[in-house]
Protein backbone atom coordinates (compact mmCIF):
# COMPACT_ATOMS: atom_id res chain seq x y z
CA MET A 1 237.57 -101.28 164.80
CA ARG A 2 238.86 -99.89 167.99
CA ARG A 3 241.62 -97.87 166.23
CA SER A 4 239.17 -96.53 163.76
CA LEU A 5 236.86 -95.40 166.61
CA LEU A 6 239.72 -93.73 168.45
CA THR A 7 240.72 -91.94 165.26
CA LEU A 8 237.19 -90.68 164.68
CA ILE A 9 236.98 -89.18 168.22
CA PHE A 10 240.32 -87.56 167.72
CA VAL A 11 239.42 -86.03 164.45
CA SER A 12 236.12 -84.80 165.84
CA LEU A 13 237.77 -83.24 168.87
CA ILE A 14 240.33 -81.50 166.69
CA SER A 15 237.59 -80.17 164.41
CA MET A 16 235.60 -78.78 167.37
CA PHE A 17 238.63 -76.83 168.68
CA THR A 18 239.43 -75.45 165.15
CA LEU A 19 235.77 -74.44 164.71
CA ALA A 20 235.64 -72.84 168.19
CA GLN A 21 238.74 -70.81 167.36
CA ALA A 22 237.81 -69.70 163.84
CA PRO A 23 236.96 -66.04 163.41
CA ALA A 24 233.25 -65.23 163.44
CA THR A 25 232.06 -64.51 159.84
CA GLY A 26 228.99 -62.53 160.13
CA ASP A 27 227.00 -60.98 157.31
CA VAL A 28 228.14 -57.36 157.78
CA PRO A 29 225.66 -55.89 155.22
CA ALA A 30 222.79 -57.65 156.87
CA ASP A 31 223.95 -56.51 160.32
CA ARG A 32 224.17 -52.87 158.96
CA GLN A 33 220.69 -53.18 157.62
CA ASP A 34 219.39 -54.48 160.91
CA LEU A 35 221.13 -51.50 162.58
CA ARG A 36 219.39 -49.02 160.31
CA GLN A 37 216.07 -50.69 160.91
CA ASP A 38 216.48 -50.47 164.70
CA ARG A 39 217.36 -46.78 164.35
CA ARG A 40 214.14 -46.31 162.36
CA ASP A 41 212.20 -48.14 165.02
CA VAL A 42 213.70 -45.82 167.71
CA ARG A 43 212.65 -42.74 165.78
CA LYS A 44 209.17 -44.17 165.32
CA ASP A 45 208.92 -44.97 169.04
CA GLN A 46 210.06 -41.47 169.85
CA ARG A 47 207.47 -39.99 167.59
CA ASP A 48 204.81 -42.26 169.40
CA ILE A 49 206.09 -41.08 172.70
CA ASN A 50 205.83 -37.40 171.67
CA HIS A 51 202.34 -38.01 170.29
CA ASP A 52 201.21 -39.77 173.49
CA LYS A 53 202.61 -36.82 175.61
CA ARG A 54 200.72 -34.33 173.56
CA ASP A 55 197.44 -36.35 173.73
CA LEU A 56 197.94 -36.84 177.50
CA ARG A 57 198.47 -33.13 177.90
CA GLN A 58 195.36 -32.27 176.03
CA ASP A 59 193.24 -34.83 177.86
CA ARG A 60 194.38 -33.38 181.23
CA VAL A 61 193.42 -29.91 180.01
CA ASP A 62 190.06 -31.21 178.89
CA ARG A 63 189.39 -32.99 182.27
CA ASN A 64 190.28 -29.93 184.19
CA GLN A 65 188.02 -27.74 182.09
CA ASP A 66 185.18 -30.17 182.64
CA GLN A 67 185.86 -30.10 186.47
CA ARG A 68 185.59 -26.28 186.36
CA ASP A 69 182.23 -26.62 184.41
CA ILE A 70 181.07 -29.07 187.15
CA ASN A 71 181.88 -26.75 189.87
CA HIS A 72 180.22 -23.83 188.01
CA ASP A 73 177.06 -25.91 187.48
CA LYS A 74 176.90 -26.89 191.13
CA ARG A 75 177.07 -23.21 192.12
CA ASP A 76 174.33 -22.39 189.65
CA ILE A 77 172.11 -25.18 190.93
CA ASN A 78 172.57 -24.02 194.50
CA LYS A 79 171.78 -20.41 193.58
CA ASP A 80 168.61 -21.44 191.63
CA ARG A 81 167.50 -23.53 194.42
CA ALA A 82 167.74 -20.57 196.86
CA GLU A 83 165.84 -18.49 194.48
CA ARG A 84 163.20 -21.12 193.95
CA ASN A 85 162.80 -21.48 197.63
CA GLN A 86 162.35 -17.71 198.04
CA ASP A 87 159.79 -17.73 195.23
CA LEU A 88 157.85 -20.56 196.94
CA LYS A 89 158.06 -18.66 200.21
CA ASN A 90 156.68 -15.49 198.56
CA GLY A 91 153.89 -17.57 196.75
CA ASN A 92 155.14 -16.92 193.32
CA THR A 93 154.78 -20.31 191.81
CA ALA A 94 155.22 -19.29 188.21
CA ALA A 95 158.70 -17.92 189.06
CA ALA A 96 159.43 -21.10 191.11
CA ARG A 97 158.55 -23.33 188.03
CA ALA A 98 160.99 -21.32 185.90
CA GLU A 99 163.76 -21.76 188.55
CA GLN A 100 163.10 -25.54 188.64
CA ARG A 101 163.36 -25.73 184.86
CA ASP A 102 166.65 -23.83 185.13
CA ILE A 103 167.77 -26.31 187.93
CA ASN A 104 166.73 -29.31 185.73
CA HIS A 105 168.79 -27.88 182.78
CA ASP A 106 171.91 -27.29 184.94
CA LYS A 107 171.64 -30.97 186.32
CA ARG A 108 171.61 -32.25 182.79
CA ASP A 109 174.58 -30.11 181.91
CA LEU A 110 176.24 -31.36 185.22
CA ASN A 111 175.73 -34.93 184.24
CA ARG A 112 177.08 -34.44 180.75
CA ASP A 113 180.13 -32.68 182.20
CA ARG A 114 180.71 -35.58 184.61
CA ALA A 115 180.54 -38.05 181.80
CA ASP A 116 183.08 -36.02 179.83
CA ARG A 117 185.37 -35.73 182.76
CA ASN A 118 185.19 -39.52 183.18
CA HIS A 119 185.88 -40.27 179.59
CA ASP A 120 188.87 -37.86 179.68
CA GLN A 121 190.27 -39.63 182.79
CA ARG A 122 189.84 -42.98 180.95
CA ASP A 123 191.75 -41.50 178.04
CA ILE A 124 194.45 -40.31 180.39
CA ASN A 125 194.89 -43.81 181.85
CA HIS A 126 195.11 -45.38 178.39
CA ASP A 127 197.62 -42.69 177.25
CA LYS A 128 199.74 -43.27 180.27
CA ARG A 129 199.84 -47.02 179.57
CA ASP A 130 200.67 -46.45 175.99
CA LEU A 131 203.41 -44.06 176.85
CA ARG A 132 204.98 -46.60 179.18
CA HIS A 133 204.83 -49.33 176.51
CA ASP A 134 206.35 -47.00 173.90
CA ARG A 135 209.16 -46.01 176.24
CA ALA A 136 209.94 -49.63 176.92
CA ASP A 137 209.94 -50.39 173.24
CA ARG A 138 212.36 -47.45 172.62
CA ASN A 139 214.67 -48.63 175.22
CA GLN A 140 214.68 -52.13 173.90
CA ASP A 141 215.46 -50.86 170.42
CA ARG A 142 218.31 -48.81 171.93
CA LYS A 143 219.66 -51.89 173.50
CA ASP A 144 219.47 -53.64 170.16
CA ILE A 145 221.35 -50.89 168.48
CA ARG A 146 224.25 -51.16 171.02
CA HIS A 147 224.26 -54.84 170.62
CA ASP A 148 224.21 -54.65 166.78
CA LYS A 149 226.97 -52.10 166.80
CA GLY A 150 229.18 -54.38 168.88
CA ASP A 151 228.44 -57.29 166.56
CA LEU A 152 229.25 -55.12 163.53
CA HIS A 153 232.50 -53.97 165.09
CA ARG A 154 233.58 -57.54 165.88
CA ASP A 155 232.64 -58.79 162.50
CA ARG A 156 234.67 -56.13 160.76
CA LYS A 157 237.63 -56.79 162.98
CA GLY A 158 237.27 -60.57 162.30
CA LYS A 159 237.31 -61.55 166.04
């Protein structure tokens, strides 16, 4: 009993050493396919990055245009208020009412422009987040490609 136990331990130790020193037999075609898929993923991630950059650029242009419109509307409101006050001072209430209607119209336009600007700013923040995630995915895929290339090289060499 003792002898068979020692023999069993000896055989198991010998088999462990021979398995540890055996060359790695990987599935080379599967590794090549994984490598091709990782390259496709990198190209897709790069396309996503380029799309997010274009979208981010366009959102910034829209936001800046909305800010220019806001500034223009504020100038119009101030000018119309001065004209309304002058008309009231001169006793011309009909012209003052017309100026007030113009002021109200400019205020509505101002509020719409502010909402558009805020919406564009929200889009910018989302696009920046998407861009950051897409870049991280691309970098991870690049790491995977380097790792898979090393595995493929070792498998071909039989090391």
